Protein backbone atom coordinates (compact mmCIF):
# COMPACT_ATOMS: atom_id res chain seq x y z
CA UNK A 1 -9.30 32.44 8.41
CA UNK A 2 -7.86 32.10 5.00
CA UNK A 3 -5.90 28.55 4.79
CA UNK A 4 -2.91 30.39 3.69
CA UNK A 5 -2.61 32.18 7.40
CA UNK A 6 -1.78 28.77 8.92
CA UNK A 7 -0.71 26.82 6.07
CA UNK A 8 -0.65 23.07 6.48
CA UNK A 9 1.01 20.64 4.27
CA UNK A 10 -1.23 17.93 3.32
CA UNK A 11 -0.70 14.65 1.91
CA UNK A 12 2.62 14.72 -0.14
CA UNK A 13 5.30 12.69 -1.54
CA UNK A 14 8.97 13.57 -0.83
CA UNK A 15 11.88 12.57 -3.12
CA UNK A 16 15.32 13.56 -2.35
CA UNK A 17 17.59 13.82 -5.17
CA UNK A 18 20.22 16.45 -6.78
CA UNK A 19 19.56 19.25 -8.74
CA UNK A 20 22.52 20.87 -10.59
CA UNK A 21 24.72 19.65 -7.91
CA UNK A 22 22.51 20.72 -5.01
CA UNK A 23 20.68 18.20 -2.60
CA UNK A 24 17.04 18.98 -3.05
CA UNK A 25 13.60 17.79 -2.02
CA UNK A 26 11.02 16.81 -4.99
CA UNK A 27 7.64 17.54 -3.27
CA UNK A 28 4.61 16.52 -5.10
CA UNK A 29 0.96 16.11 -4.29
CA UNK A 30 0.39 12.49 -3.21
CA UNK A 31 -3.17 12.18 -4.93
CA UNK A 32 -1.46 13.09 -8.11
CA UNK A 33 -3.89 15.92 -8.82
CA UNK A 34 -1.41 17.80 -10.58
CA UNK A 35 2.01 17.15 -12.55
CA UNK A 36 3.10 20.41 -10.58
CA UNK A 37 6.13 19.75 -8.36
CA UNK A 38 8.12 21.82 -5.85
CA UNK A 39 11.96 21.53 -6.26
CA UNK A 40 13.32 22.78 -2.59
CA UNK A 41 16.70 22.88 -1.38
CA UNK A 42 17.04 20.50 1.61
CA UNK A 43 18.30 23.17 3.82
CA UNK A 44 14.73 24.60 3.55
CA UNK A 45 13.13 21.36 4.69
CA UNK A 46 12.21 22.77 8.11
CA UNK A 47 9.93 25.32 6.52
CA UNK A 48 7.72 22.15 5.37
CA UNK A 49 7.90 20.65 8.78
CA UNK A 50 6.72 24.20 10.24
CA UNK A 51 3.64 24.23 7.69
CA UNK A 52 1.66 22.17 10.03
CA UNK A 53 -1.47 24.15 10.36
CA UNK A 54 -0.48 25.71 13.95
CA UNK A 55 1.86 28.57 12.67
CA UNK A 56 1.32 31.89 11.12
CA UNK A 57 3.88 33.21 8.54
CA UNK A 58 5.52 35.44 11.20
CA UNK A 59 5.78 32.42 13.72
CA UNK A 60 7.32 30.41 10.75
CA UNK A 61 9.59 33.09 10.04
CA UNK A 62 10.73 33.61 13.80
CA UNK A 63 11.08 29.59 14.22
CA UNK A 64 13.25 29.09 10.98
CA UNK A 65 15.44 31.89 12.40
CA UNK A 66 15.81 31.14 16.01
CA UNK A 67 15.64 27.19 15.78
CA UNK A 68 17.19 26.44 12.33
CA UNK A 69 19.42 29.41 11.83
CA UNK A 70 17.50 30.27 8.76
CA UNK A 71 16.78 33.99 8.28
CA UNK A 72 14.24 34.36 5.49
CA UNK A 73 12.11 37.35 4.73
CA UNK A 74 8.51 37.00 5.49
CA UNK A 75 7.75 38.03 1.86
CA UNK A 76 9.63 35.14 0.89
CA UNK A 77 8.08 32.90 2.83
CA UNK A 78 4.70 34.15 1.72
CA UNK A 79 5.84 33.28 -1.85
CA UNK A 80 7.02 29.96 -1.18
CA UNK A 81 3.57 29.05 0.79
CA UNK A 82 1.89 30.31 -2.14
CA UNK A 83 3.59 28.21 -4.55
CA UNK A 84 3.05 25.20 -2.29
CA UNK A 85 -0.63 26.06 -2.57
CA UNK A 86 -0.56 26.31 -6.34
CA UNK A 87 1.10 22.82 -6.30
CA UNK A 88 -1.65 21.46 -4.34
CA UNK A 89 0.40 20.80 -1.39
CA UNK A 90 -1.66 22.39 1.23
CA UNK A 91 -4.81 21.43 2.84
CA UNK A 92 -7.80 23.62 1.60
CA UNK A 93 -8.12 26.08 -1.13
CA UNK A 94 -7.05 24.61 -4.51
CA UNK A 95 -6.44 21.39 -3.18
CA UNK A 96 -9.81 20.67 -1.94
CA UNK A 97 -11.23 22.11 -5.11
CA UNK A 98 -9.26 19.75 -7.18
CA UNK A 99 -9.85 16.67 -5.00
CA UNK A 100 -13.55 17.13 -4.91
CA UNK A 101 -13.51 17.36 -8.76
CA UNK A 102 -11.35 14.08 -9.02
CA UNK A 103 -13.54 12.31 -6.59
CA UNK A 104 -16.64 13.08 -8.59
CA UNK A 105 -14.79 11.86 -11.89
CA UNK A 106 -13.61 8.85 -10.26
CA UNK A 107 -16.90 7.65 -9.01
CA UNK A 108 -18.76 8.47 -12.31
CA UNK A 109 -16.59 6.20 -14.34
CA UNK A 110 -17.91 2.79 -14.99
CA UNK A 111 -15.01 1.28 -13.14
CA UNK A 112 -11.48 2.15 -11.90
CA UNK A 113 -9.28 1.43 -15.00
CA UNK A 114 -6.13 -0.73 -14.89
CA UNK A 115 -3.15 1.74 -14.13
CA UNK A 116 -0.63 -0.83 -15.34
CA UNK A 117 -1.88 -2.30 -18.28
CA UNK A 118 0.47 -1.96 -21.12
CA UNK A 119 3.34 -0.85 -18.93
CA UNK A 120 3.75 -3.74 -16.24
CA UNK A 121 1.78 -6.21 -17.93
CA UNK A 122 -0.03 -6.50 -21.57
CA UNK A 123 -3.06 -4.49 -22.09
CA UNK A 124 -4.27 -6.96 -24.70
CA UNK A 125 -6.35 -9.75 -23.12
CA UNK A 126 -4.67 -12.50 -25.10
CA UNK A 127 -1.11 -11.35 -24.83
CA UNK A 128 -1.96 -11.27 -20.79
CA UNK A 129 -3.57 -14.78 -20.74
CA UNK A 130 -0.39 -16.06 -22.31
CA UNK A 131 1.85 -14.52 -20.48
CA UNK A 132 0.13 -15.30 -17.04
CA UNK A 133 -0.07 -19.17 -18.49
CA UNK A 134 3.72 -18.92 -19.57
CA UNK A 135 4.48 -18.46 -15.69
CA UNK A 136 2.28 -21.17 -14.63
CA UNK A 137 3.84 -23.51 -17.26
CA UNK A 138 7.33 -22.69 -15.81
CA UNK A 139 6.88 -23.51 -12.24
CA UNK A 140 7.43 -26.78 -10.81
CA UNK A 141 4.95 -28.90 -9.58
CA UNK A 142 3.20 -26.93 -6.36
CA UNK A 143 1.30 -28.83 -3.79
CA UNK A 144 -2.45 -28.30 -4.10
CA UNK A 145 -3.54 -26.89 -0.92
CA UNK A 146 -6.83 -27.65 0.59
CA UNK A 147 -10.02 -26.15 -1.40
CA UNK A 148 -11.13 -24.93 2.09
CA UNK A 149 -7.99 -22.67 2.48
CA UNK A 150 -9.01 -19.35 3.71
CA UNK A 151 -6.29 -16.97 2.83
CA UNK A 152 -3.35 -16.25 0.36
CA UNK A 153 -0.37 -14.11 0.88
CA UNK A 154 0.67 -12.77 -2.37
CA UNK A 155 3.35 -10.65 -3.47
CA UNK A 156 2.62 -7.32 -5.29
CA UNK A 157 6.07 -6.75 -7.03
CA UNK A 158 5.91 -6.28 -10.62
CA UNK A 159 5.40 -9.69 -12.69
CA UNK A 160 8.64 -9.58 -14.20
CA UNK A 161 10.61 -9.95 -11.06
CA UNK A 162 8.14 -11.80 -9.11
CA UNK A 163 6.13 -13.75 -12.01
CA UNK A 164 7.04 -17.21 -10.79
CA UNK A 165 6.23 -16.75 -7.25
CA UNK A 166 2.86 -15.36 -8.16
CA UNK A 167 2.14 -18.48 -10.29
CA UNK A 168 3.45 -20.88 -7.53
CA UNK A 169 0.94 -19.58 -4.78
CA UNK A 170 -1.84 -18.84 -7.02
CA UNK A 171 -1.80 -22.43 -8.60
CA UNK A 172 -1.33 -23.98 -5.05
CA UNK A 173 -4.36 -22.24 -4.00
CA UNK A 174 -6.61 -22.55 -7.65
CA UNK A 175 -9.50 -24.58 -6.08
CA UNK A 176 -9.99 -22.38 -3.09
CA UNK A 177 -9.56 -19.42 -5.57
CA UNK A 178 -12.15 -21.06 -7.72
CA UNK A 179 -14.79 -21.75 -5.36
CA UNK A 180 -14.61 -18.56 -3.28
CA UNK A 181 -18.15 -16.72 -3.17
CA UNK A 182 -16.47 -13.24 -1.87
CA UNK A 183 -12.81 -12.17 -1.91
CA UNK A 184 -11.39 -9.63 0.48
CA UNK A 185 -8.29 -8.09 -0.75
CA UNK A 186 -6.06 -6.49 1.92
CA UNK A 187 -3.41 -4.41 0.34
CA UNK A 188 -0.23 -2.37 1.02
CA UNK A 189 -1.29 1.40 0.70
CA UNK A 190 2.08 2.49 -0.49
CA UNK A 191 1.09 6.23 -0.80
CA UNK A 192 -1.01 6.91 2.10
CA UNK A 193 -0.01 9.61 4.71
CA UNK A 194 -2.39 8.78 7.49
CA UNK A 195 -1.12 6.04 9.66
CA UNK A 196 -3.37 3.08 10.30
CA UNK A 197 -5.89 4.21 7.76
CA UNK A 198 -8.35 1.72 6.16
CA UNK A 199 -9.27 3.09 2.52
CA UNK A 200 -12.43 2.09 0.89
CA UNK A 201 -13.99 2.62 -2.45
CA UNK A 202 -17.27 1.68 -4.03
CA UNK A 203 -15.59 1.53 -7.27
CA UNK A 204 -15.64 -1.52 -9.43
CA UNK A 205 -11.66 -2.72 -10.09
CA UNK A 206 -11.14 -3.64 -13.81
CA UNK A 207 -8.29 -5.35 -15.80
CA UNK A 208 -7.88 -6.56 -19.49
CA UNK A 209 -9.32 -9.61 -18.27
CA UNK A 210 -12.80 -8.01 -16.99
CA UNK A 211 -14.61 -6.13 -14.23
CA UNK A 212 -14.59 -7.60 -10.58
CA UNK A 213 -17.65 -5.97 -8.81
CA UNK A 214 -17.10 -4.25 -5.53
CA UNK A 215 -19.51 -5.16 -2.78
CA UNK A 216 -20.88 -1.60 -2.39
CA UNK A 217 -23.36 -2.85 0.36
CA UNK A 218 -20.51 -3.90 2.47
CA UNK A 219 -18.43 -1.01 1.63
CA UNK A 220 -21.51 1.38 2.59
CA UNK A 221 -21.79 -0.84 5.84
CA UNK A 222 -18.20 -0.12 6.90
CA UNK A 223 -18.51 3.45 6.12
CA UNK A 224 -21.56 3.93 8.19
CA UNK A 225 -19.83 2.17 11.11
CA UNK A 226 -16.13 3.64 10.69
CA UNK A 227 -17.37 7.08 9.44
CA UNK A 228 -17.26 7.87 5.58
CA UNK A 229 -14.76 10.70 6.56
CA UNK A 230 -12.44 8.14 7.66
CA UNK A 231 -12.73 5.37 5.10
CA UNK A 232 -12.84 7.83 1.87
CA UNK A 233 -10.43 10.14 2.70
CA UNK A 234 -7.99 8.08 0.84
CA UNK A 235 -10.41 6.82 -1.86
CA UNK A 236 -8.35 8.71 -4.90
CA UNK A 237 -5.08 6.60 -3.84
CA UNK A 238 -7.00 3.63 -5.20
CA UNK A 239 -6.65 4.98 -8.62
CA UNK A 240 -2.74 4.53 -9.21
CA UNK A 241 -1.84 2.05 -6.48
CA UNK A 242 -0.79 -1.22 -7.81
CA UNK A 243 -0.99 -3.64 -4.83
CA UNK A 244 -4.56 -4.52 -5.41
CA UNK A 245 -4.47 -4.60 -9.22
CA UNK A 246 -1.55 -6.98 -9.41
CA UNK A 247 -3.22 -9.60 -7.32
CA UNK A 248 -6.59 -8.89 -9.02
CA UNK A 249 -5.30 -10.09 -12.32
CA UNK A 250 -4.21 -13.51 -11.18
CA UNK A 251 -7.54 -13.89 -9.24
CA UNK A 252 -9.31 -13.20 -12.50
CA UNK A 253 -7.25 -15.66 -14.42
CA UNK A 254 -7.71 -18.52 -11.88
CA UNK A 255 -11.11 -18.04 -11.87
CA UNK A 256 -11.47 -18.42 -15.57
CA UNK A 257 -12.58 -14.67 -15.55
CA UNK A 258 -15.72 -15.52 -13.73
CA UNK A 259 -16.54 -12.43 -11.39
CA UNK A 260 -17.26 -12.40 -7.99
CA UNK A 261 -17.90 -9.66 -5.36
CA UNK A 262 -14.57 -8.13 -4.10
CA UNK A 263 -13.94 -5.60 -1.02
CA UNK A 264 -10.68 -3.97 -2.02
CA UNK A 265 -9.13 -2.37 1.26
CA UNK A 266 -5.73 -0.17 1.25
CA UNK A 267 -4.26 -0.62 4.79
CA UNK A 268 -2.08 2.10 5.84
CA UNK A 269 1.24 2.22 7.77
CA UNK A 270 1.96 0.88 11.22
CA UNK A 271 5.00 2.66 11.53
CA UNK A 272 3.51 4.87 14.45
CA UNK A 273 2.83 1.39 16.29
CA UNK A 274 6.17 0.18 15.53
CA UNK A 275 7.83 3.33 16.95
CA UNK A 276 5.55 3.33 20.19
CA UNK A 277 3.75 6.65 19.09
CA UNK A 278 0.27 4.81 19.34
CA UNK A 279 -0.94 1.41 20.65
CA UNK A 280 -2.71 -0.73 18.61
CA UNK A 281 -4.82 -2.18 21.50
CA UNK A 282 -6.51 1.03 21.58
CA UNK A 283 -7.61 1.38 17.93
CA UNK A 284 -11.57 0.81 18.08
CA UNK A 285 -11.82 1.18 14.36
CA UNK A 286 -9.77 -2.02 13.90
CA UNK A 287 -12.15 -3.96 16.32
CA UNK A 288 -15.16 -2.64 14.22
CA UNK A 289 -13.69 -3.48 10.79
CA UNK A 290 -12.64 -7.03 11.66
CA UNK A 291 -15.92 -7.86 13.36
CA UNK A 292 -17.73 -6.82 10.37
CA UNK A 293 -15.13 -8.69 8.03
CA UNK A 294 -15.75 -12.02 10.12
CA UNK A 295 -19.58 -11.70 10.07
CA UNK A 296 -19.21 -11.62 6.32
CA UNK A 297 -16.79 -14.64 6.39
CA UNK A 298 -19.32 -16.68 8.40
CA UNK A 299 -22.26 -16.42 5.87
CA UNK A 300 -20.34 -17.14 2.55
CA UNK A 301 -17.50 -18.76 1.52
CA UNK A 302 -14.58 -16.25 1.76
CA UNK A 303 -11.08 -15.95 0.49
CA UNK A 304 -8.67 -13.33 1.83
CA UNK A 305 -5.83 -12.31 -0.19
CA UNK A 306 -3.13 -10.10 1.36
CA UNK A 307 -0.96 -8.33 -1.06
CA UNK A 308 2.43 -7.58 0.61
CA UNK A 309 6.01 -7.94 -0.24
CA UNK A 310 8.56 -8.83 2.66
CA UNK A 311 11.87 -6.92 3.22
CA UNK A 312 13.08 -3.99 1.11
CA UNK A 313 16.87 -3.62 1.84
CA UNK A 314 19.99 -1.87 0.42
CA UNK A 315 20.77 1.40 -0.93
CA UNK A 316 17.44 1.55 -3.10
CA UNK A 317 15.79 1.95 0.45
CA UNK A 318 18.23 4.07 2.23
CA UNK A 319 19.95 1.45 3.66
CA UNK A 320 23.64 -0.04 3.29
CA UNK A 321 24.45 -2.33 0.51
CA UNK A 322 23.86 -5.92 0.97
CA UNK A 323 27.29 -7.88 0.70
CA UNK A 324 26.86 -11.76 0.50
CA UNK A 325 26.73 -12.06 4.19
CA UNK A 326 23.97 -9.60 4.38
CA UNK A 327 22.07 -11.30 1.63
CA UNK A 328 22.34 -14.63 3.33
CA UNK A 329 21.33 -13.06 6.49
CA UNK A 330 18.25 -11.63 4.70
CA UNK A 331 16.80 -14.98 4.09
CA UNK A 332 17.43 -16.21 7.78
CA UNK A 333 15.50 -13.14 9.02
CA UNK A 334 12.46 -13.92 6.43
CA UNK A 335 12.44 -17.48 7.34
CA UNK A 336 11.64 -16.33 10.79
CA UNK A 337 8.88 -14.02 9.65
CA UNK A 338 7.35 -16.71 7.49
CA UNK A 339 7.20 -19.04 10.45
CA UNK A 340 5.66 -16.59 12.85
CA UNK A 341 3.08 -15.87 9.72
CA UNK A 342 2.51 -19.77 9.36
CA UNK A 343 1.63 -19.92 13.24
CA UNK A 344 -1.47 -17.75 12.52
CA UNK A 345 -1.15 -15.61 15.41
CA UNK A 346 -1.60 -11.73 14.70
CA UNK A 347 -0.06 -10.72 18.34
CA UNK A 348 2.77 -12.78 17.77
CA UNK A 349 3.60 -11.38 14.24
CA UNK A 350 3.01 -7.93 15.57
CA UNK A 351 5.55 -8.37 18.38
CA UNK A 352 7.89 -9.68 15.97
CA UNK A 353 7.52 -6.72 13.56
CA UNK A 354 7.74 -4.30 16.78
CA UNK A 355 11.08 -6.12 17.94
CA UNK A 356 12.88 -5.16 15.03
CA UNK A 357 11.62 -6.81 11.79
CA UNK A 358 10.00 -3.61 10.97
CA UNK A 359 13.21 -1.92 10.43
CA UNK A 360 13.78 -4.39 7.36
CA UNK A 361 10.83 -2.36 5.77
CA UNK A 362 8.34 -5.12 5.43
CA UNK A 363 5.76 -3.33 3.45
CA UNK A 364 3.02 -6.07 4.11
CA UNK A 365 2.88 -5.45 7.53
CA UNK A 366 -0.76 -4.01 8.08
CA UNK A 367 -2.50 -6.51 5.46
CA UNK A 368 -0.66 -9.51 7.07
CA UNK A 369 -1.87 -8.49 10.43
CA UNK A 370 -5.30 -7.76 9.54
CA UNK A 371 -5.48 -10.88 7.66
CA UNK A 372 -4.23 -13.12 10.74
CA UNK A 373 -6.64 -11.31 12.98
CA UNK A 374 -9.68 -11.84 10.39
CA UNK A 375 -8.96 -15.42 10.19
CA UNK A 376 -8.51 -15.91 14.20
CA UNK A 377 -6.77 -19.11 14.61
CA UNK A 378 -4.99 -20.45 11.30
CA UNK A 379 -2.14 -22.13 10.08
CA UNK A 380 0.24 -21.30 6.90
CA UNK A 381 2.16 -23.07 4.54
CA UNK A 382 5.04 -21.47 2.50
CA UNK A 383 4.35 -22.24 -1.20
CA UNK A 384 7.11 -19.83 -2.65
CA UNK A 385 9.98 -17.55 -1.46
CA UNK A 386 12.58 -15.31 -3.72
CA UNK A 387 14.79 -12.44 -3.27
CA UNK A 388 14.34 -9.93 -6.23
CA UNK A 389 17.13 -7.34 -7.05
CA UNK A 390 16.30 -3.68 -6.60
CA UNK A 391 19.02 -1.91 -8.36
CA UNK A 392 21.71 -2.51 -11.12
CA UNK A 393 24.76 -3.30 -8.59
CA UNK A 394 22.67 -6.29 -7.05
CA UNK A 395 23.24 -4.60 -3.56
CA UNK A 396 19.44 -3.86 -2.84
CA UNK A 397 16.73 -6.58 -2.81
CA UNK A 398 13.17 -7.10 -1.87
CA UNK A 399 12.06 -10.41 -0.52
CA UNK A 400 8.77 -12.03 -1.47
CA UNK A 401 6.81 -15.06 -0.40
CA UNK A 402 3.35 -17.04 -1.44
CA UNK A 403 1.58 -18.32 1.44
CA UNK A 404 -1.64 -20.08 1.84
CA UNK A 405 -3.47 -20.24 5.18
CA UNK A 406 -6.26 -22.60 6.40
C-alpha cells in the first residue's frame, strides 16, 4: 500500500498565526529536513487530525463532511495530502528518504557543530571566554558546595536573560564540575513529538571551546537494551536543540576546557502522564535506563546536569497576561517547586507536577524527574532564582533556577 493511501502526519511543528487577516496554522517538519512549510487555514485543522494513518482519502472526505461540516472534494484532499508529502510532513515516502540522508550526513561529521554560536553567544573562543567570565565577575559571592555534589539543575534559557543565574550555579559547583570523570546531561527535548522519549546520539558535541566526547560505548549499551529504533528515532533533534549546548558551554569553561566523557540525552514530554493517558509506573524502559545510569555512576565519579527551566506563563505561552499579583504568585509556586526538588524525591516531585504544577508549563519536568530518580536519596540547595521577561510588555515570564544536589 502506498503511504499516500492512508496518510499519516509525522513529527511536525505547528504554529498559529494570522495570514492576510485569516487565522492559519504554519506546519513544518520538526526535524527541519526542509525549509518548506504548509500554511493551512485553521478551519481545515481537522484534515491534519484525520491524517493519522488509519483513514483512506474517501474516509477522510466523509469524516470532514459528517463530523466537521467541511465538504471538500476528494480531489482537493488528494492535492493537499500530496503537498503535505512534498513538505515532508507525512511518514514514509519523501520524508523517510530525506531523513535517512540527513542521519547519514549527521553521523559522518566529526562532531555536532554548535547551533547557536554566533547567534546566542560568540563564535569566537576568546570572546566567548570573556563573556562567560564577565557573568562570573558580576555575581555576588556564592556558596561553594561540596566537591562530592552529584547533580546540577541549570537553566537552558538564553545567556542574555539567564547569564547571571548560570554563573551562580556553575560557580557554586565548580569543584564538582572540575573533578567529574563522567557527565550525564539530561535535557529538555523541545521538539520531540514522542511522549516520554529518550533520544540518544553517538555524535560528539562541540562548542567554540572544543569538543566533548560522547561515551559511545554507553550509548550503544543503552541502544541495545532499549532498542535502537527507540533511542535513535529522534537523533536528528540533537542537531538544533539548544538545551544541551547551552549547558555544555558552561561545563567546558568551568573545567578549563578539559574534556571528559559525556552522555547527552534529550528527554521527551511527560504531558501524557500528567493527563492520565499513561502511567509512569508501567514504563519498563525508564527502569532499564535508570538502572544503567546508576551502574555507571557507581563505577566512576559522575555529575548529572539537568538542563531545564521552570514555569512559562503569560500570552507568549498561550496564557493570560501576568499582572503584579500573578507575577508574585508565580514566585510563590516556584518556591514550592524548588523546595520539592530539594527534597530529592522523584515520586514527590512527580505528584506535585501532576497535581497542577504542570499547567504552568514547567519544561524541565522530565529531566528533573530522571535526575532525582537516578540519584535516589538526595538533598538540594537553591543557589539562584530569577523570572525572565518573555514579551515586550512584561506580561509573560519564564522562571529559572540553579540548584545543586548532593
